[in-house]
Amino acid sequence: MLLFFTARLIFFVDFFLLLFLIFLMARLTFFTVFLMAFVTFFTPFLMLLPSFFAAFFGFVFDFLRFFLEPIHKMTARIGIGVRVVTAINVAVLTPWVIEGTSVRIGL
């Protein structure tokens, strides 16, 4: 019963939202309506952005640590030292890599 009520509520909310958008389409400029429709359509995707960035940067840092760890394993004695040295390596190497890439592609 609750599921049926929730489904009807969602239907009516969507129905009135659609009527409201049609009303706005008649009253507002094209850009405003396009912007509202864009935001309405992409809201679920925007909600996924934080988890996407967390997964992406987690993968990037794991990837970098995998390649940078052997370089400084002899200098780092404990696990936290490995992470600190890796962070320093990433902080030092990243601008160098970005600058070299921008020079190579002519920016």
PDB file of N, CA and C in Angstrom:
ATOM      1  N   MET A   1       0.831  -1.198   0.000  1.00  0.00           N
ATOM      2  CA  MET A   1       0.000   0.000   0.000  1.00  0.00           C
ATOM      3  C   MET A   1       0.875   1.261   0.000  1.00  0.00           C
ATOM      4  N   LEU A   2       1.913   1.229   0.831  1.00  0.00           N
ATOM      5  CA  LEU A   2       2.815   2.379   0.889  1.00  0.00           C
ATOM      6  C   LEU A   2       3.538   2.561  -0.452  1.00  0.00           C
ATOM      7  N   LEU A   3       3.942   1.448  -1.054  1.00  0.00           N
ATOM      8  CA  LEU A   3       4.607   1.507  -2.356  1.00  0.00           C
ATOM      9  C   LEU A   3       3.674   2.090  -3.411  1.00  0.00           C
ATOM     10  N   PHE A   4       2.418   1.673  -3.398  1.00  0.00           N
ATOM     11  CA  PHE A   4       1.445   2.195  -4.355  1.00  0.00           C
ATOM     12  C   PHE A   4       1.245   3.693  -4.151  1.00  0.00           C
ATOM     13  N   PHE A   5       1.130   4.112  -2.889  1.00  0.00           N
ATOM     14  CA  PHE A   5       0.964   5.536  -2.584  1.00  0.00           C
ATOM     15  C   PHE A   5       2.182   6.338  -3.028  1.00  0.00           C
ATOM     16  N   THR A   6       3.378   5.800  -2.764  1.00  0.00           N
ATOM     17  CA  THR A   6       4.610   6.483  -3.161  1.00  0.00           C
ATOM     18  C   THR A   6       4.701   6.606  -4.676  1.00  0.00           C
ATOM     19  N   ALA A   7       4.346   5.539  -5.394  1.00  0.00           N
ATOM     20  CA  ALA A   7       4.389   5.582  -6.853  1.00  0.00           C
ATOM     21  C   ALA A   7       3.409   6.628  -7.394  1.00  0.00           C
ATOM     22  N   ARG A   8       2.207   6.687  -6.816  1.00  0.00           N
ATOM     23  CA  ARG A   8       1.240   7.703  -7.272  1.00  0.00           C
ATOM     24  C   ARG A   8       1.725   9.106  -6.958  1.00  0.00           C
ATOM     25  N   LEU A   9       2.321   9.284  -5.789  1.00  0.00           N
ATOM     26  CA  LEU A   9       2.854  10.591  -5.406  1.00  0.00           C
ATOM     27  C   LEU A   9       3.949  11.029  -6.373  1.00  0.00           C
ATOM     28  N   ILE A  10       4.867  10.125  -6.679  1.00  0.00           N
ATOM     29  CA  ILE A  10       5.946  10.446  -7.616  1.00  0.00           C
ATOM     30  C   ILE A  10       5.369  10.783  -8.987  1.00  0.00           C
ATOM     31  N   PHE A  11       4.344  10.023  -9.424  1.00  0.00           N
ATOM     32  CA  PHE A  11       3.729  10.302 -10.718  1.00  0.00           C
ATOM     33  C   PHE A  11       3.120  11.707 -10.744  1.00  0.00           C
ATOM     34  N   PHE A  12       2.383  12.061  -9.695  1.00  0.00           N
ATOM     35  CA  PHE A  12       1.737  13.379  -9.679  1.00  0.00           C
ATOM     36  C   PHE A  12       2.762  14.512  -9.578  1.00  0.00           C
ATOM     37  N   VAL A  13       3.813  14.287  -8.792  1.00  0.00           N
ATOM     38  CA  VAL A  13       4.857  15.312  -8.705  1.00  0.00           C
ATOM     39  C   VAL A  13       5.505  15.501 -10.066  1.00  0.00           C
ATOM     40  N   ASP A  14       5.848  14.396 -10.737  1.00  0.00           N
ATOM     41  CA  ASP A  14       6.433  14.504 -12.076  1.00  0.00           C
ATOM     42  C   ASP A  14       5.453  15.132 -13.063  1.00  0.00           C
ATOM     43  N   PHE A  15       4.182  14.784 -12.948  1.00  0.00           N
ATOM     44  CA  PHE A  15       3.176  15.327 -13.865  1.00  0.00           C
ATOM     45  C   PHE A  15       3.065  16.845 -13.711  1.00  0.00           C
ATOM     46  N   PHE A  16       2.986  17.305 -12.450  1.00  0.00           N
ATOM     47  CA  PHE A  16       2.877  18.743 -12.230  1.00  0.00           C
ATOM     48  C   PHE A  16       4.181  19.470 -12.554  1.00  0.00           C
ATOM     49  N   LEU A  17       5.308  18.792 -12.354  1.00  0.00           N
ATOM     50  CA  LEU A  17       6.577  19.383 -12.754  1.00  0.00           C
ATOM     51  C   LEU A  17       6.613  19.564 -14.274  1.00  0.00           C
ATOM     52  N   LEU A  18       6.114  18.584 -15.002  1.00  0.00           N
ATOM     53  CA  LEU A  18       6.057  18.691 -16.459  1.00  0.00           C
ATOM     54  C   LEU A  18       5.122  19.834 -16.876  1.00  0.00           C
ATOM     55  N   LEU A  19       3.961  19.943 -16.243  1.00  0.00           N
ATOM     56  CA  LEU A  19       3.066  21.056 -16.554  1.00  0.00           C
ATOM     57  C   LEU A  19       3.714  22.397 -16.243  1.00  0.00           C
ATOM     58  N   PHE A  20       4.425  22.450 -15.133  1.00  0.00           N
ATOM     59  CA  PHE A  20       5.112  23.679 -14.760  1.00  0.00           C
ATOM     60  C   PHE A  20       6.175  24.049 -15.796  1.00  0.00           C
ATOM     61  N   LEU A  21       6.919  23.039 -16.273  1.00  0.00           N
ATOM     62  CA  LEU A  21       7.932  23.301 -17.297  1.00  0.00           C
ATOM     63  C   LEU A  21       7.296  23.774 -18.601  1.00  0.00           C
ATOM     64  N   ILE A  22       6.147  23.198 -18.958  1.00  0.00           N
ATOM     65  CA  ILE A  22       5.452  23.644 -20.172  1.00  0.00           C
ATOM     66  C   ILE A  22       4.990  25.090 -20.009  1.00  0.00           C
ATOM     67  N   PHE A  23       4.478  25.416 -18.825  1.00  0.00           N
ATOM     68  CA  PHE A  23       4.075  26.794 -18.559  1.00  0.00           C
ATOM     69  C   PHE A  23       5.272  27.740 -18.669  1.00  0.00           C
ATOM     70  N   LEU A  24       6.396  27.330 -18.086  1.00  0.00           N
ATOM     71  CA  LEU A  24       7.591  28.170 -18.165  1.00  0.00           C
ATOM     72  C   LEU A  24       8.094  28.301 -19.597  1.00  0.00           C
ATOM     73  N   MET A  25       7.939  27.245 -20.362  1.00  0.00           N
ATOM     74  CA  MET A  25       8.392  27.281 -21.750  1.00  0.00           C
ATOM     75  C   MET A  25       7.629  28.365 -22.520  1.00  0.00           C
ATOM     76  N   ALA A  26       6.374  28.543 -22.158  1.00  0.00           N
ATOM     77  CA  ALA A  26       5.587  29.571 -22.832  1.00  0.00           C
ATOM     78  C   ALA A  26       5.940  30.968 -22.334  1.00  0.00           C
ATOM     79  N   ARG A  27       6.499  31.062 -21.136  1.00  0.00           N
ATOM     80  CA  ARG A  27       6.721  32.371 -20.526  1.00  0.00           C
ATOM     81  C   ARG A  27       8.178  32.841 -20.549  1.00  0.00           C
ATOM     82  N   LEU A  28       9.114  31.920 -20.511  1.00  0.00           N
ATOM     83  CA  LEU A  28      10.507  32.298 -20.347  1.00  0.00           C
ATOM     84  C   LEU A  28      11.293  32.129 -21.647  1.00  0.00           C
ATOM     85  N   THR A  29      12.502  32.607 -21.610  1.00  0.00           N
ATOM     86  CA  THR A  29      13.341  32.466 -22.801  1.00  0.00           C
ATOM     87  C   THR A  29      13.762  31.019 -22.968  1.00  0.00           C
ATOM     88  N   PHE A  30      14.229  30.715 -24.159  1.00  0.00           N
ATOM     89  CA  PHE A  30      14.646  29.344 -24.466  1.00  0.00           C
ATOM     90  C   PHE A  30      15.799  28.909 -23.578  1.00  0.00           C
ATOM     91  N   PHE A  31      16.734  29.814 -23.333  1.00  0.00           N
ATOM     92  CA  PHE A  31      17.913  29.446 -22.550  1.00  0.00           C
ATOM     93  C   PHE A  31      17.533  29.041 -21.132  1.00  0.00           C
ATOM     94  N   THR A  32      16.632  29.782 -20.519  1.00  0.00           N
ATOM     95  CA  THR A  32      16.229  29.475 -19.142  1.00  0.00           C
ATOM     96  C   THR A  32      15.558  28.109 -19.072  1.00  0.00           C
ATOM     97  N   VAL A  33      14.661  27.847 -20.020  1.00  0.00           N
ATOM     98  CA  VAL A  33      13.975  26.547 -20.033  1.00  0.00           C
ATOM     99  C   VAL A  33      14.973  25.426 -20.308  1.00  0.00           C
ATOM    100  N   PHE A  34      15.885  25.671 -21.232  1.00  0.00           N
ATOM    101  CA  PHE A  34      16.906  24.665 -21.521  1.00  0.00           C
ATOM    102  C   PHE A  34      17.752  24.383 -20.286  1.00  0.00           C
ATOM    103  N   LEU A  35      18.109  25.451 -19.574  1.00  0.00           N
ATOM    104  CA  LEU A  35      18.918  25.288 -18.372  1.00  0.00           C
ATOM    105  C   LEU A  35      18.164  24.495 -17.303  1.00  0.00           C
ATOM    106  N   MET A  36      16.887  24.789 -17.125  1.00  0.00           N
ATOM    107  CA  MET A  36      16.097  24.056 -16.132  1.00  0.00           C
ATOM    108  C   MET A  36      15.954  22.587 -16.509  1.00  0.00           C
ATOM    109  N   ALA A  37      15.693  22.336 -17.785  1.00  0.00           N
ATOM    110  CA  ALA A  37      15.570  20.945 -18.229  1.00  0.00           C
ATOM    111  C   ALA A  37      16.901  20.218 -18.086  1.00  0.00           C
ATOM    112  N   PHE A  38      17.976  20.907 -18.390  1.00  0.00           N
ATOM    113  CA  PHE A  38      19.308  20.314 -18.268  1.00  0.00           C
ATOM    114  C   PHE A  38      19.596  19.927 -16.822  1.00  0.00           C
ATOM    115  N   VAL A  39      19.327  20.856 -15.900  1.00  0.00           N
ATOM    116  CA  VAL A  39      19.573  20.578 -14.480  1.00  0.00           C
ATOM    117  C   VAL A  39      18.664  19.455 -13.989  1.00  0.00           C
ATOM    118  N   THR A  40      17.394  19.483 -14.413  1.00  0.00           N
ATOM    119  CA  THR A  40      16.458  18.442 -13.995  1.00  0.00           C
ATOM    120  C   THR A  40      16.896  17.074 -14.495  1.00  0.00           C
ATOM    121  N   PHE A  41      17.354  17.026 -15.737  1.00  0.00           N
ATOM    122  CA  PHE A  41      17.751  15.749 -16.321  1.00  0.00           C
ATOM    123  C   PHE A  41      19.046  15.222 -15.717  1.00  0.00           C
ATOM    124  N   PHE A  42      20.005  16.127 -15.446  1.00  0.00           N
ATOM    125  CA  PHE A  42      21.323  15.685 -15.013  1.00  0.00           C
ATOM    126  C   PHE A  42      21.495  15.627 -13.499  1.00  0.00           C
ATOM    127  N   THR A  43      20.446  15.920 -12.732  1.00  0.00           N
ATOM    128  CA  THR A  43      20.574  15.860 -11.275  1.00  0.00           C
ATOM    129  C   THR A  43      21.035  14.493 -10.775  1.00  0.00           C
ATOM    130  N   PRO A  44      20.490  13.377 -11.276  1.00  0.00           N
ATOM    131  CA  PRO A  44      21.007  12.079 -10.795  1.00  0.00           C
ATOM    132  C   PRO A  44      22.487  11.880 -11.103  1.00  0.00           C
ATOM    133  N   PHE A  45      22.921  12.376 -12.271  1.00  0.00           N
ATOM    134  CA  PHE A  45      24.326  12.226 -12.613  1.00  0.00           C
ATOM    135  C   PHE A  45      25.207  13.110 -11.737  1.00  0.00           C
ATOM    136  N   LEU A  46      24.695  14.307 -11.386  1.00  0.00           N
ATOM    137  CA  LEU A  46      25.455  15.193 -10.509  1.00  0.00           C
ATOM    138  C   LEU A  46      25.615  14.574  -9.125  1.00  0.00           C
ATOM    139  N   MET A  47      24.610  13.799  -8.701  1.00  0.00           N
ATOM    140  CA  MET A  47      24.711  13.149  -7.399  1.00  0.00           C
ATOM    141  C   MET A  47      25.785  12.068  -7.400  1.00  0.00           C
ATOM    142  N   LEU A  48      26.109  11.534  -8.579  1.00  0.00           N
ATOM    143  CA  LEU A  48      27.127  10.487  -8.667  1.00  0.00           C
ATOM    144  C   LEU A  48      28.546  11.043  -8.758  1.00  0.00           C
ATOM    145  N   LEU A  49      28.680  12.353  -9.005  1.00  0.00           N
ATOM    146  CA  LEU A  49      30.011  12.928  -9.200  1.00  0.00           C
ATOM    147  C   LEU A  49      30.963  12.715  -8.015  1.00  0.00           C
ATOM    148  N   PRO A  50      30.534  12.939  -6.768  1.00  0.00           N
ATOM    149  CA  PRO A  50      31.496  12.734  -5.675  1.00  0.00           C
ATOM    150  C   PRO A  50      32.061  11.327  -5.630  1.00  0.00           C
ATOM    151  N   SER A  51      31.202  10.308  -5.819  1.00  0.00           N
ATOM    152  CA  SER A  51      31.712   8.935  -5.791  1.00  0.00           C
ATOM    153  C   SER A  51      32.601   8.664  -6.998  1.00  0.00           C
ATOM    154  N   PHE A  52      32.273   9.289  -8.146  1.00  0.00           N
ATOM    155  CA  PHE A  52      33.122   9.104  -9.318  1.00  0.00           C
ATOM    156  C   PHE A  52      34.515   9.680  -9.070  1.00  0.00           C
ATOM    157  N   PHE A  53      34.555  10.911  -8.520  1.00  0.00           N
ATOM    158  CA  PHE A  53      35.853  11.534  -8.270  1.00  0.00           C
ATOM    159  C   PHE A  53      36.632  10.756  -7.213  1.00  0.00           C
ATOM    160  N   ALA A  54      35.933  10.264  -6.195  1.00  0.00           N
ATOM    161  CA  ALA A  54      36.627   9.484  -5.164  1.00  0.00           C
ATOM    162  C   ALA A  54      37.244   8.229  -5.775  1.00  0.00           C
ATOM    163  N   ALA A  55      36.475   7.535  -6.618  1.00  0.00           N
ATOM    164  CA  ALA A  55      37.000   6.323  -7.254  1.00  0.00           C
ATOM    165  C   ALA A  55      38.137   6.661  -8.212  1.00  0.00           C
ATOM    166  N   PHE A  56      37.966   7.731  -8.981  1.00  0.00           N
ATOM    167  CA  PHE A  56      38.978   8.102  -9.972  1.00  0.00           C
ATOM    168  C   PHE A  56      40.297   8.476  -9.304  1.00  0.00           C
ATOM    169  N   PHE A  57      40.233   9.365  -8.299  1.00  0.00           N
ATOM    170  CA  PHE A  57      41.467   9.790  -7.659  1.00  0.00           C
ATOM    171  C   PHE A  57      42.068   8.681  -6.815  1.00  0.00           C
ATOM    172  N   GLY A  58      41.229   7.829  -6.239  1.00  0.00           N
ATOM    173  CA  GLY A  58      41.762   6.667  -5.537  1.00  0.00           C
ATOM    174  C   GLY A  58      42.550   5.780  -6.476  1.00  0.00           C
ATOM    175  N   PHE A  59      42.011   5.565  -7.682  1.00  0.00           N
ATOM    176  CA  PHE A  59      42.723   4.762  -8.677  1.00  0.00           C
ATOM    177  C   PHE A  59      44.021   5.444  -9.092  1.00  0.00           C
ATOM    178  N   VAL A  60      43.964   6.764  -9.331  1.00  0.00           N
ATOM    179  CA  VAL A  60      45.159   7.499  -9.772  1.00  0.00           C
ATOM    180  C   VAL A  60      46.259   7.419  -8.721  1.00  0.00           C
ATOM    181  N   PHE A  61      45.910   7.651  -7.450  1.00  0.00           N
ATOM    182  CA  PHE A  61      46.944   7.640  -6.418  1.00  0.00           C
ATOM    183  C   PHE A  61      47.470   6.239  -6.166  1.00  0.00           C
ATOM    184  N   ASP A  62      46.589   5.228  -6.261  1.00  0.00           N
ATOM    185  CA  ASP A  62      47.092   3.857  -6.141  1.00  0.00           C
ATOM    186  C   ASP A  62      48.033   3.525  -7.285  1.00  0.00           C
ATOM    187  N   PHE A  63      47.678   3.981  -8.478  1.00  0.00           N
ATOM    188  CA  PHE A  63      48.509   3.745  -9.666  1.00  0.00           C
ATOM    189  C   PHE A  63      49.869   4.418  -9.499  1.00  0.00           C
ATOM    190  N   LEU A  64      49.859   5.691  -9.066  1.00  0.00           N
ATOM    191  CA  LEU A  64      51.118   6.408  -8.863  1.00  0.00           C
ATOM    192  C   LEU A  64      51.949   5.771  -7.753  1.00  0.00           C
ATOM    193  N   ARG A  65      51.287   5.378  -6.681  1.00  0.00           N
ATOM    194  CA  ARG A  65      52.030   4.772  -5.574  1.00  0.00           C
ATOM    195  C   ARG A  65      52.658   3.454  -6.000  1.00  0.00           C
ATOM    196  N   PHE A  66      51.957   2.708  -6.856  1.00  0.00           N
ATOM    197  CA  PHE A  66      52.491   1.432  -7.329  1.00  0.00           C
ATOM    198  C   PHE A  66      53.811   1.644  -8.071  1.00  0.00           C
ATOM    199  N   PHE A  67      53.892   2.725  -8.853  1.00  0.00           N
ATOM    200  CA  PHE A  67      55.118   2.969  -9.615  1.00  0.00           C
ATOM    201  C   PHE A  67      56.170   3.738  -8.824  1.00  0.00           C
ATOM    202  N   LEU A  68      55.739   4.571  -7.873  1.00  0.00           N
ATOM    203  CA  LEU A  68      56.700   5.385  -7.131  1.00  0.00           C
ATOM    204  C   LEU A  68      57.250   4.669  -5.904  1.00  0.00           C
ATOM    205  N   GLU A  69      56.524   3.669  -5.423  1.00  0.00           N
ATOM    206  CA  GLU A  69      56.949   3.010  -4.194  1.00  0.00           C
ATOM    207  C   GLU A  69      58.331   2.366  -4.308  1.00  0.00           C
ATOM    208  N   PRO A  70      58.637   1.643  -5.375  1.00  0.00           N
ATOM    209  CA  PRO A  70      59.975   1.025  -5.435  1.00  0.00           C
ATOM    210  C   PRO A  70      61.115   2.045  -5.404  1.00  0.00           C
ATOM    211  N   ILE A  71      60.837   3.278  -5.875  1.00  0.00           N
ATOM    212  CA  ILE A  71      61.883   4.293  -5.942  1.00  0.00           C
ATOM    213  C   ILE A  71      62.352   4.673  -4.542  1.00  0.00           C
ATOM    214  N   HIS A  72      61.432   4.816  -3.626  1.00  0.00           N
ATOM    215  CA  HIS A  72      61.820   5.309  -2.313  1.00  0.00           C
ATOM    216  C   HIS A  72      61.624   4.282  -1.210  1.00  0.00           C
ATOM    217  N   LYS A  73      61.472   2.995  -1.575  1.00  0.00           N
ATOM    218  CA  LYS A  73      61.263   1.993  -0.541  1.00  0.00           C
ATOM    219  C   LYS A  73      62.484   1.856   0.366  1.00  0.00           C
ATOM    220  N   MET A  74      63.652   2.132  -0.179  1.00  0.00           N
ATOM    221  CA  MET A  74      64.854   2.009   0.634  1.00  0.00           C
ATOM    222  C   MET A  74      64.953   3.137   1.661  1.00  0.00           C
ATOM    223  N   THR A  75      64.376   4.295   1.346  1.00  0.00           N
ATOM    224  CA  THR A  75      64.480   5.423   2.277  1.00  0.00           C
ATOM    225  C   THR A  75      63.369   5.424   3.309  1.00  0.00           C
ATOM    226  N   ALA A  76      62.222   4.835   2.992  1.00  0.00           N
ATOM    227  CA  ALA A  76      61.089   4.840   3.927  1.00  0.00           C
ATOM    228  C   ALA A  76      61.112   3.559   4.746  1.00  0.00           C
ATOM    229  N   ARG A  77      61.129   3.700   6.062  1.00  0.00           N
ATOM    230  CA  ARG A  77      61.234   2.532   6.939  1.00  0.00           C
ATOM    231  C   ARG A  77      59.878   2.008   7.397  1.00  0.00           C
ATOM    232  N   ILE A  78      58.876   2.871   7.471  1.00  0.00           N
ATOM    233  CA  ILE A  78      57.571   2.432   7.952  1.00  0.00           C
ATOM    234  C   ILE A  78      56.504   2.796   6.932  1.00  0.00           C
ATOM    235  N   GLY A  79      55.321   2.237   7.087  1.00  0.00           N
ATOM    236  CA  GLY A  79      54.251   2.448   6.113  1.00  0.00           C
ATOM    237  C   GLY A  79      53.862   3.907   5.952  1.00  0.00           C
ATOM    238  N   ILE A  80      53.821   4.654   7.053  1.00  0.00           N
ATOM    239  CA  ILE A  80      53.442   6.062   6.952  1.00  0.00           C
ATOM    240  C   ILE A  80      54.514   6.831   6.200  1.00  0.00           C
ATOM    241  N   GLY A  81      55.766   6.422   6.348  1.00  0.00           N
ATOM    242  CA  GLY A  81      56.836   7.049   5.592  1.00  0.00           C
ATOM    243  C   GLY A  81      56.672   6.836   4.101  1.00  0.00           C
ATOM    244  N   VAL A  82      56.209   5.645   3.722  1.00  0.00           N
ATOM    245  CA  VAL A  82      55.964   5.363   2.311  1.00  0.00           C
ATOM    246  C   VAL A  82      54.911   6.318   1.766  1.00  0.00           C
ATOM    247  N   ARG A  83      53.861   6.532   2.540  1.00  0.00           N
ATOM    248  CA  ARG A  83      52.791   7.414   2.061  1.00  0.00           C
ATOM    249  C   ARG A  83      53.253   8.867   1.990  1.00  0.00           C
ATOM    250  N   VAL A  84      54.007   9.298   2.975  1.00  0.00           N
ATOM    251  CA  VAL A  84      54.490  10.681   2.973  1.00  0.00           C
ATOM    252  C   VAL A  84      55.426  10.921   1.800  1.00  0.00           C
ATOM    253  N   VAL A  85      56.352  10.014   1.584  1.00  0.00           N
ATOM    254  CA  VAL A  85      57.298  10.183   0.471  1.00  0.00           C
ATOM    255  C   VAL A  85      56.567  10.091  -0.855  1.00  0.00           C
ATOM    256  N   THR A  86      55.583   9.210  -0.955  1.00  0.00           N
ATOM    257  CA  THR A  86      54.792   9.133  -2.188  1.00  0.00           C
ATOM    258  C   THR A  86      54.064  10.443  -2.443  1.00  0.00           C
ATOM    259  N   ALA A  87      53.472  11.024  -1.397  1.00  0.00           N
ATOM    260  CA  ALA A  87      52.778  12.303  -1.564  1.00  0.00           C
ATOM    261  C   ALA A  87      53.741  13.390  -2.014  1.00  0.00           C
ATOM    262  N   ILE A  88      54.964  13.384  -1.444  1.00  0.00           N
ATOM    263  CA  ILE A  88      55.958  14.376  -1.863  1.00  0.00           C
ATOM    264  C   ILE A  88      56.350  14.150  -3.318  1.00  0.00           C
ATOM    265  N   ASN A  89      56.552  12.895  -3.688  1.00  0.00           N
ATOM    266  CA  ASN A  89      56.903  12.591  -5.079  1.00  0.00           C
ATOM    267  C   ASN A  89      55.812  13.044  -6.035  1.00  0.00           C
ATOM    268  N   VAL A  90      54.545  12.770  -5.676  1.00  0.00           N
ATOM    269  CA  VAL A  90      53.430  13.186  -6.532  1.00  0.00           C
ATOM    270  C   VAL A  90      53.374  14.703  -6.616  1.00  0.00           C
ATOM    271  N   ALA A  91      53.556  15.387  -5.474  1.00  0.00           N
ATOM    272  CA  ALA A  91      53.493  16.854  -5.464  1.00  0.00           C
ATOM    273  C   ALA A  91      54.615  17.460  -6.291  1.00  0.00           C
ATOM    274  N   VAL A  92      55.788  16.821  -6.286  1.00  0.00           N
ATOM    275  CA  VAL A  92      56.921  17.357  -7.041  1.00  0.00           C
ATOM    276  C   VAL A  92      56.822  16.991  -8.510  1.00  0.00           C
ATOM    277  N   LEU A  93      56.428  15.756  -8.797  1.00  0.00           N
ATOM    278  CA  LEU A  93      56.436  15.278 -10.188  1.00  0.00           C
ATOM    279  C   LEU A  93      55.242  15.758 -10.987  1.00  0.00           C
ATOM    280  N   THR A  94      54.084  15.953 -10.348  1.00  0.00           N
ATOM    281  CA  THR A  94      52.881  16.297 -11.105  1.00  0.00           C
ATOM    282  C   THR A  94      53.023  17.606 -11.876  1.00  0.00           C
ATOM    283  N   PRO A  95      53.489  18.714 -11.268  1.00  0.00           N
ATOM    284  CA  PRO A  95      53.656  19.938 -12.066  1.00  0.00           C
ATOM    285  C   PRO A  95      54.664  19.762 -13.197  1.00  0.00           C
ATOM    286  N   TRP A  96      55.704  18.958 -12.931  1.00  0.00           N
ATOM    287  CA  TRP A  96      56.718  18.717 -13.957  1.00  0.00           C
ATOM    288  C   TRP A  96      56.118  17.959 -15.138  1.00  0.00           C
ATOM    289  N   VAL A  97      55.299  16.953 -14.839  1.00  0.00           N
ATOM    290  CA  VAL A  97      54.651  16.174 -15.903  1.00  0.00           C
ATOM    291  C   VAL A  97      53.667  17.050 -16.667  1.00  0.00           C
ATOM    292  N   ILE A  98      52.873  17.861 -15.946  1.00  0.00           N
ATOM    293  CA  ILE A  98      51.901  18.736 -16.612  1.00  0.00           C
ATOM    294  C   ILE A  98      52.621  19.749 -17.488  1.00  0.00           C
ATOM    295  N   GLU A  99      53.702  20.331 -16.954  1.00  0.00           N
ATOM    296  CA  GLU A  99      54.444  21.327 -17.735  1.00  0.00           C
ATOM    297  C   GLU A  99      55.069  20.675 -18.963  1.00  0.00           C
ATOM    298  N   GLY A 100      55.653  19.500 -18.791  1.00  0.00           N
ATOM    299  CA  GLY A 100      56.241  18.810 -19.944  1.00  0.00           C
ATOM    300  C   GLY A 100      55.198  18.450 -20.977  1.00  0.00           C
ATOM    301  N   THR A 101      54.016  18.031 -20.536  1.00  0.00           N
ATOM    302  CA  THR A 101      52.947  17.691 -21.477  1.00  0.00           C
ATOM    303  C   THR A 101      52.479  18.932 -22.206  1.00  0.00           C
ATOM    304  N   SER A 102      52.310  20.044 -21.485  1.00  0.00           N
ATOM    305  CA  SER A 102      51.840  21.262 -22.144  1.00  0.00           C
ATOM    306  C   SER A 102      52.878  21.783 -23.121  1.00  0.00           C
ATOM    307  N   VAL A 103      54.165  21.605 -22.811  1.00  0.00           N
ATOM    308  CA  VAL A 103      55.207  22.033 -23.751  1.00  0.00           C
ATOM    309  C   VAL A 103      55.175  21.152 -24.990  1.00  0.00           C
ATOM    310  N   ARG A 104      54.974  19.856 -24.790  1.00  0.00           N
ATOM    311  CA  ARG A 104      54.969  18.939 -25.934  1.00  0.00           C
ATOM    312  C   ARG A 104      53.792  19.182 -26.865  1.00  0.00           C
ATOM    313  N   ILE A 105      52.623  19.541 -26.295  1.00  0.00           N
ATOM    314  CA  ILE A 105      51.472  19.766 -27.176  1.00  0.00           C
ATOM    315  C   ILE A 105      51.353  21.220 -27.595  1.00  0.00           C
ATOM    316  N   GLY A 106      52.289  22.053 -27.164  1.00  0.00           N
ATOM    317  CA  GLY A 106      52.372  23.414 -27.666  1.00  0.00           C
ATOM    318  C   GLY A 106      51.527  24.433 -26.932  1.00  0.00           C
ATOM    319  N   LEU A 107      51.237  24.198 -25.653  1.00  0.00           N
ATOM    320  CA  LEU A 107      50.466  25.192 -24.885  1.00  0.00           C
ATOM    321  C   LEU A 107      51.388  26.164 -24.189  1.00  0.00           C
TER     322      LEU A 107
END
